[in-house]
Amino acid sequence: MNKPAFITFTGVDAETDPADLVRLADDYPVEFGLLFSPKRQGIEPRYPAMQVINWMAEELPLRWAAHLCGGDARAVIESGASPHDGMLKRHFQRAQINTADPMVQPSLIGNWAAQQNLRAILQCRGSFPHVASVDVLYDASGGRGIVPRAWPEATHTTFCGFAGGIGPHNAVESVIQIGRFWPPR
């Protein structure tokens, strides 16, 4: 069975012990996702305040992914720019645009990310689309933590991931089930 290149842990917040993140990254191929949303930033625990995000990104030598939600995702979709472009370019390796809009043009997201020297990730809620300009994350849950009834086969995409309700209680079972669909390298 092919193994994933890395696992992303999303939802790092102000209560997360930075030393634990560094230790985990020393032992395993992980990426840490930080959630961005203008309405939720610094209010909801999963969306740390911008000063926390800035500190983590600047001080912790880790693999980071920015997960742009709500207004931050819409800004990229509508204007091809993010209010966080400078920070993303300096400290992040990937940026995920969280949207349920099936009309989003992957090439628009890919072009924006390339200008920031990032790999782009675009969500899909159904079958994996046939794209090469972005990575694709299957997340039918949309951040609500709901495990899908079935995982789609990873075809027609260059690099993909799976999300939705995967946590300590079911991670092993989920990875085994998803592993049946992992694309060959």
Protein backbone atom coordinates (compact mmCIF):
# COMPACT_ATOMS: atom_id res chain seq x y z
CA MET A 1 0.00 0.00 0.00
CA ASN A 2 1.25 3.49 -0.83
CA LYS A 3 1.75 5.80 2.11
CA PRO A 4 0.68 9.43 2.17
CA ALA A 5 3.46 11.98 1.66
CA PHE A 6 2.37 13.69 4.88
CA ILE A 7 -0.61 14.14 7.17
CA THR A 8 -2.07 17.59 7.85
CA PHE A 9 -3.28 18.43 11.34
CA THR A 10 -5.70 21.33 11.09
CA GLY A 11 -6.87 23.54 13.92
CA VAL A 12 -3.62 24.51 15.64
CA ASP A 13 -4.63 27.28 18.04
CA ALA A 14 -3.37 29.45 20.90
CA GLU A 15 -3.80 26.56 23.36
CA THR A 16 -1.56 24.21 21.37
CA ASP A 17 1.83 23.65 22.97
CA PRO A 18 4.46 24.74 20.41
CA ALA A 19 6.98 22.25 21.81
CA ASP A 20 4.52 19.41 21.08
CA LEU A 21 4.22 20.57 17.46
CA VAL A 22 7.99 20.60 17.01
CA ARG A 23 8.38 17.15 18.62
CA LEU A 24 5.64 15.69 16.40
CA ALA A 25 7.22 17.20 13.28
CA ASP A 26 10.62 15.79 14.28
CA ASP A 27 9.17 12.26 14.35
CA TYR A 28 6.57 12.26 11.55
CA PRO A 29 5.91 13.85 8.14
CA VAL A 30 3.26 16.35 9.21
CA GLU A 31 1.95 19.69 8.05
CA PHE A 32 0.06 22.00 10.38
CA GLY A 33 -3.00 23.86 9.14
CA LEU A 34 -3.89 27.26 10.52
CA LEU A 35 -7.45 28.47 9.95
CA PHE A 36 -8.11 32.01 8.66
CA SER A 37 -11.53 33.68 8.72
CA PRO A 38 -12.21 37.40 9.22
CA LYS A 39 -15.42 36.72 11.20
CA ARG A 40 -13.99 33.97 13.41
CA GLN A 41 -10.34 35.03 13.90
CA GLY A 42 -9.49 35.25 17.59
CA ILE A 43 -13.10 34.46 18.56
CA GLU A 44 -13.52 30.75 17.93
CA PRO A 45 -10.80 28.47 19.35
CA ARG A 46 -9.94 26.83 16.01
CA TYR A 47 -9.26 30.29 14.52
CA PRO A 48 -6.35 31.76 16.49
CA ALA A 49 -5.82 35.52 16.63
CA MET A 50 -3.61 36.89 13.87
CA GLN A 51 -0.82 37.71 16.34
CA VAL A 52 -0.76 34.03 17.36
CA ILE A 53 -0.61 32.92 13.72
CA ASN A 54 2.17 35.43 13.00
CA TRP A 55 4.18 34.25 16.00
CA MET A 56 3.80 30.55 15.16
CA ALA A 57 4.64 31.01 11.49
CA GLU A 58 7.69 33.16 12.23
CA GLU A 59 9.09 31.31 15.23
CA LEU A 60 8.31 27.63 14.67
CA PRO A 61 10.30 25.95 11.86
CA LEU A 62 7.41 23.78 10.71
CA ARG A 63 5.56 22.93 7.52
CA TRP A 64 2.53 25.27 7.47
CA ALA A 65 -0.68 25.36 5.44
CA ALA A 66 -3.06 28.31 5.53
CA HIS A 67 -6.71 27.28 5.37
CA LEU A 68 -8.61 30.31 4.09
CA CYS A 69 -12.29 30.25 5.05
CA GLY A 70 -15.25 32.59 4.67
CA GLY A 71 -14.31 36.10 3.58
CA ASP A 72 -10.64 35.21 3.19
CA ALA A 73 -11.49 32.43 0.72
CA ARG A 74 -13.97 34.68 -1.13
CA ALA A 75 -11.30 37.40 -1.46
CA VAL A 76 -9.02 35.02 -3.37
CA ILE A 77 -11.88 33.68 -5.50
CA GLU A 78 -13.25 37.13 -6.35
CA SER A 79 -10.10 39.24 -6.65
CA GLY A 80 -7.19 36.84 -6.97
CA ALA A 81 -5.62 38.25 -3.80
CA SER A 82 -5.65 37.61 -0.07
CA PRO A 83 -5.20 40.19 2.68
CA HIS A 84 -2.54 37.80 4.01
CA ASP A 85 -0.49 37.40 0.81
CA GLY A 86 2.73 38.79 2.31
CA MET A 87 2.68 36.48 5.34
CA LEU A 88 1.61 33.48 3.26
CA LYS A 89 4.46 34.02 0.83
CA ARG A 90 7.02 34.27 3.65
CA HIS A 91 5.95 31.46 5.97
CA PHE A 92 3.56 28.98 4.35
CA GLN A 93 4.11 26.15 1.88
CA ARG A 94 0.48 25.50 0.93
CA ALA A 95 -2.79 27.42 1.00
CA GLN A 96 -6.21 25.83 1.01
CA ILE A 97 -9.27 27.65 -0.28
CA ASN A 98 -12.28 26.36 1.66
CA THR A 99 -15.36 26.75 -0.47
CA ALA A 100 -18.36 24.69 -1.49
CA ASP A 101 -18.71 26.67 -4.73
CA PRO A 102 -18.43 24.14 -7.57
CA MET A 103 -17.94 26.96 -10.09
CA VAL A 104 -14.57 28.05 -8.72
CA GLN A 105 -11.93 27.90 -11.43
CA PRO A 106 -9.00 25.79 -10.20
CA SER A 107 -6.64 27.67 -12.54
CA LEU A 108 -7.53 30.97 -10.81
CA ILE A 109 -6.62 29.46 -7.44
CA GLY A 110 -3.48 27.87 -8.90
CA ASN A 111 -2.34 31.14 -10.46
CA TRP A 112 -2.86 33.08 -7.22
CA ALA A 113 -0.92 30.45 -5.25
CA ALA A 114 1.93 30.42 -7.77
CA GLN A 115 2.32 34.20 -7.35
CA GLN A 116 2.71 33.59 -3.60
CA ASN A 117 5.12 30.67 -4.13
CA LEU A 118 2.56 28.29 -2.62
CA ARG A 119 0.94 25.05 -3.61
CA ALA A 120 -2.80 25.52 -3.81
CA ILE A 121 -5.40 23.20 -2.33
CA LEU A 122 -9.03 23.36 -3.39
CA GLN A 123 -11.85 21.54 -1.64
CA CYS A 124 -14.21 19.20 -3.41
CA ARG A 125 -17.39 17.78 -1.92
CA GLY A 126 -17.95 15.02 -4.47
CA SER A 127 -15.74 13.08 -6.85
CA PHE A 128 -12.23 14.34 -7.38
CA PRO A 129 -12.17 16.76 -10.34
CA HIS A 130 -9.74 16.30 -13.22
CA VAL A 131 -7.25 19.11 -12.49
CA ALA A 132 -3.51 19.60 -12.50
CA SER A 133 -3.24 23.24 -11.38
CA VAL A 134 -4.12 22.61 -7.71
CA ASP A 135 -4.02 19.91 -5.06
CA VAL A 136 -7.51 18.69 -4.16
CA LEU A 137 -8.92 17.90 -0.73
CA TYR A 138 -12.06 15.81 -0.46
CA ASP A 139 -14.01 17.26 2.46
CA ALA A 140 -17.75 16.69 2.20
CA SER A 141 -17.98 17.73 5.85
CA GLY A 142 -16.84 21.30 5.22
CA GLY A 143 -15.11 21.58 8.60
CA ARG A 144 -18.05 20.20 10.60
CA GLY A 145 -16.24 16.99 11.60
CA ILE A 146 -18.67 14.61 9.91
CA VAL A 147 -17.23 11.34 8.59
CA PRO A 148 -18.50 10.55 5.07
CA ARG A 149 -20.39 7.33 4.43
CA ALA A 150 -17.90 6.50 1.68
CA TRP A 151 -14.59 7.93 0.50
CA PRO A 152 -14.19 8.66 -3.24
CA GLU A 153 -11.50 7.03 -5.30
CA ALA A 154 -8.53 9.33 -5.86
CA THR A 155 -8.48 9.52 -9.64
CA HIS A 156 -8.16 12.39 -12.10
CA THR A 157 -6.01 14.48 -9.79
CA THR A 158 -2.30 15.03 -9.28
CA PHE A 159 -2.13 15.30 -5.48
CA CYS A 160 -5.04 14.80 -3.15
CA GLY A 161 -6.12 14.52 0.44
CA PHE A 162 -9.05 13.37 2.50
CA ALA A 163 -10.75 15.12 5.42
CA GLY A 164 -13.95 15.08 7.38
CA GLY A 165 -14.36 13.86 10.91
CA ILE A 166 -10.98 12.15 11.14
CA GLY A 167 -9.64 12.35 14.68
CA PRO A 168 -7.90 10.31 17.37
CA HIS A 169 -10.94 8.07 17.77
CA ASN A 170 -11.02 6.89 14.12
CA ALA A 171 -7.77 7.91 12.41
CA VAL A 172 -6.39 4.39 11.97
CA GLU A 173 -9.68 3.04 10.62
CA SER A 174 -10.05 6.01 8.26
CA VAL A 175 -6.50 5.74 6.89
CA ILE A 176 -7.00 2.01 6.27
CA GLN A 177 -10.27 2.63 4.43
CA ILE A 178 -8.87 5.56 2.43
CA GLY A 179 -5.70 3.57 1.69
CA ARG A 180 -7.66 1.38 -0.70
CA PHE A 181 -8.07 4.43 -2.90
CA TRP A 182 -4.65 6.02 -2.59
CA PRO A 183 -3.26 6.80 -6.05
CA PRO A 184 -0.08 5.00 -7.07
CA ARG A 185 3.11 7.05 -7.22
